[in-house]
Amino acid sequence: MIFMANNYTALAGSTLDHLLEIEAAAAAIVDDAQIEAAKRIHENDEKNRIVFDERYKVEIQNHLSRLNDEIEKVKIQYKKELDDYRKEISGINVEKDAFCALFNKYISDESS
């Protein structure tokens, strides 16, 4: 029986050593997988950042271009309306004597 007990102890020790080796190998595989996952996540983040930056620049340029177009349209419309107004008021005949007489009349009516 002592022989069997020694064989059992040796077998159990051998099995335990084998299981510990498998656990160490599994831990190494998990560590490698975590390192690879972190690397891939970092690479993907970099790619996404680059794509975002490129799209952002394109969108900003589009918005700035449309903004500048609208500013030019408003400037043209403003100039046209200002020119039309100037033409309209330049065509009005101003009777300075009549205006002064009316003004003086209202001033004198207010002061009385």
Protein backbone atom coordinates (compact mmCIF):
# COMPACT_ATOMS: atom_id res chain seq x y z
CA MET A 1 0.00 0.00 0.00
CA ILE A 2 2.85 2.34 0.60
CA PHE A 3 3.79 1.84 -2.99
CA MET A 4 0.30 2.91 -4.11
CA ALA A 5 0.29 5.91 -1.83
CA ASN A 6 3.61 7.05 -3.21
CA ASN A 7 2.35 6.56 -6.76
CA TYR A 8 -0.83 8.48 -5.89
CA THR A 9 1.17 11.34 -4.36
CA ALA A 10 3.52 11.43 -7.33
CA LEU A 11 0.60 11.30 -9.74
CA ALA A 12 -1.24 14.04 -7.86
CA GLY A 13 1.90 16.19 -7.76
CA SER A 14 2.49 15.62 -11.45
CA THR A 15 -1.12 16.46 -12.28
CA LEU A 16 -1.01 19.57 -10.11
CA ASP A 17 2.22 20.70 -11.75
CA HIS A 18 0.66 20.12 -15.16
CA LEU A 19 -2.43 22.15 -14.18
CA LEU A 20 -0.25 24.97 -12.89
CA GLU A 21 1.65 25.00 -16.19
CA ILE A 22 -1.65 25.15 -18.10
CA GLU A 23 -2.84 28.00 -15.86
CA ALA A 24 0.41 29.91 -16.44
CA ALA A 25 0.08 29.37 -20.20
CA ALA A 26 -3.54 30.53 -20.09
CA ALA A 27 -2.55 33.63 -18.11
CA ALA A 28 0.12 34.41 -20.71
CA ILE A 29 -2.44 34.01 -23.50
CA VAL A 30 -4.86 36.34 -21.66
CA ASP A 31 -2.10 38.91 -21.12
CA ASP A 32 -1.15 38.77 -24.80
CA ALA A 33 -4.81 39.13 -25.78
CA GLN A 34 -5.22 42.16 -23.51
CA ILE A 35 -2.12 43.78 -24.98
CA GLU A 36 -3.35 43.09 -28.53
CA ALA A 37 -6.82 44.42 -27.69
CA ALA A 38 -5.38 47.61 -26.22
CA LYS A 39 -3.19 48.03 -29.32
CA ARG A 40 -6.14 47.54 -31.67
CA ILE A 41 -8.34 49.92 -29.66
CA HIS A 42 -5.60 52.57 -29.75
CA GLU A 43 -5.13 52.13 -33.52
CA ASN A 44 -8.88 52.32 -34.07
CA ASP A 45 -9.12 55.46 -31.94
CA GLU A 46 -6.34 57.05 -33.99
CA LYS A 47 -8.05 56.14 -37.28
CA ASN A 48 -11.38 57.48 -36.01
CA ARG A 49 -9.74 60.71 -34.84
CA ILE A 50 -8.09 61.21 -38.23
CA VAL A 51 -11.37 60.54 -40.08
CA PHE A 52 -13.23 62.89 -37.70
CA ASP A 53 -10.64 65.65 -38.17
CA GLU A 54 -10.84 65.35 -41.96
CA ARG A 55 -14.65 65.41 -41.98
CA TYR A 56 -14.67 68.28 -39.47
CA LYS A 57 -12.34 70.35 -41.68
CA VAL A 58 -14.51 69.67 -44.74
CA GLU A 59 -17.68 70.63 -42.87
CA ILE A 60 -16.09 73.80 -41.49
CA GLN A 61 -14.95 74.78 -44.99
CA ASN A 62 -18.47 74.14 -46.33
CA HIS A 63 -20.04 76.26 -43.61
CA LEU A 64 -17.50 79.05 -44.03
CA SER A 65 -18.03 79.03 -47.78
CA ARG A 66 -21.81 79.25 -47.37
CA LEU A 67 -21.39 81.96 -44.73
CA ASN A 68 -19.17 84.02 -47.04
CA ASP A 69 -21.65 83.54 -49.90
CA GLU A 70 -24.47 84.79 -47.68
CA ILE A 71 -22.39 87.75 -46.50
CA GLU A 72 -21.70 88.70 -50.13
CA LYS A 73 -25.41 88.41 -50.98
CA VAL A 74 -26.33 90.65 -48.04
CA LYS A 75 -23.64 93.19 -48.99
CA ILE A 76 -24.92 93.30 -52.57
CA GLN A 77 -28.54 93.66 -51.41
CA TYR A 78 -27.56 96.35 -48.90
CA LYS A 79 -25.63 98.32 -51.53
CA LYS A 80 -28.53 98.04 -53.98
CA GLU A 81 -31.08 99.20 -51.41
CA LEU A 82 -28.82 102.05 -50.28
CA ASP A 83 -28.27 103.15 -53.89
CA ASP A 84 -32.05 102.98 -54.54
CA TYR A 85 -32.70 105.07 -51.42
CA ARG A 86 -30.09 107.64 -52.44
CA LYS A 87 -31.65 107.89 -55.91
CA GLU A 88 -35.09 108.28 -54.36
CA ILE A 89 -34.09 111.04 -51.99
CA SER A 90 -31.90 112.80 -54.53
CA GLY A 91 -34.96 113.14 -56.76
CA ILE A 92 -36.91 114.95 -54.06
CA ASN A 93 -37.07 118.70 -54.57
CA VAL A 94 -36.28 120.39 -51.28
CA GLU A 95 -37.88 123.78 -50.83
CA LYS A 96 -35.64 125.25 -48.18
CA ASP A 97 -37.60 128.48 -47.79
CA ALA A 98 -40.89 126.63 -47.29
CA PHE A 99 -39.25 124.20 -44.86
CA CYS A 100 -37.71 127.02 -42.82
CA ALA A 101 -41.02 128.90 -42.74
CA LEU A 102 -42.89 125.78 -41.57
CA PHE A 103 -40.19 125.02 -39.02
CA ASN A 104 -40.27 128.56 -37.66
CA LYS A 105 -44.08 128.41 -37.50
CA TYR A 106 -43.97 125.21 -35.38
CA ILE A 107 -41.24 126.60 -33.15
CA SER A 108 -43.13 129.79 -32.55
CA ASP A 109 -46.38 127.84 -31.90
CA GLU A 110 -44.59 125.63 -29.37
CA SER A 111 -43.05 128.54 -27.51
CA SER A 112 -46.35 130.37 -27.13
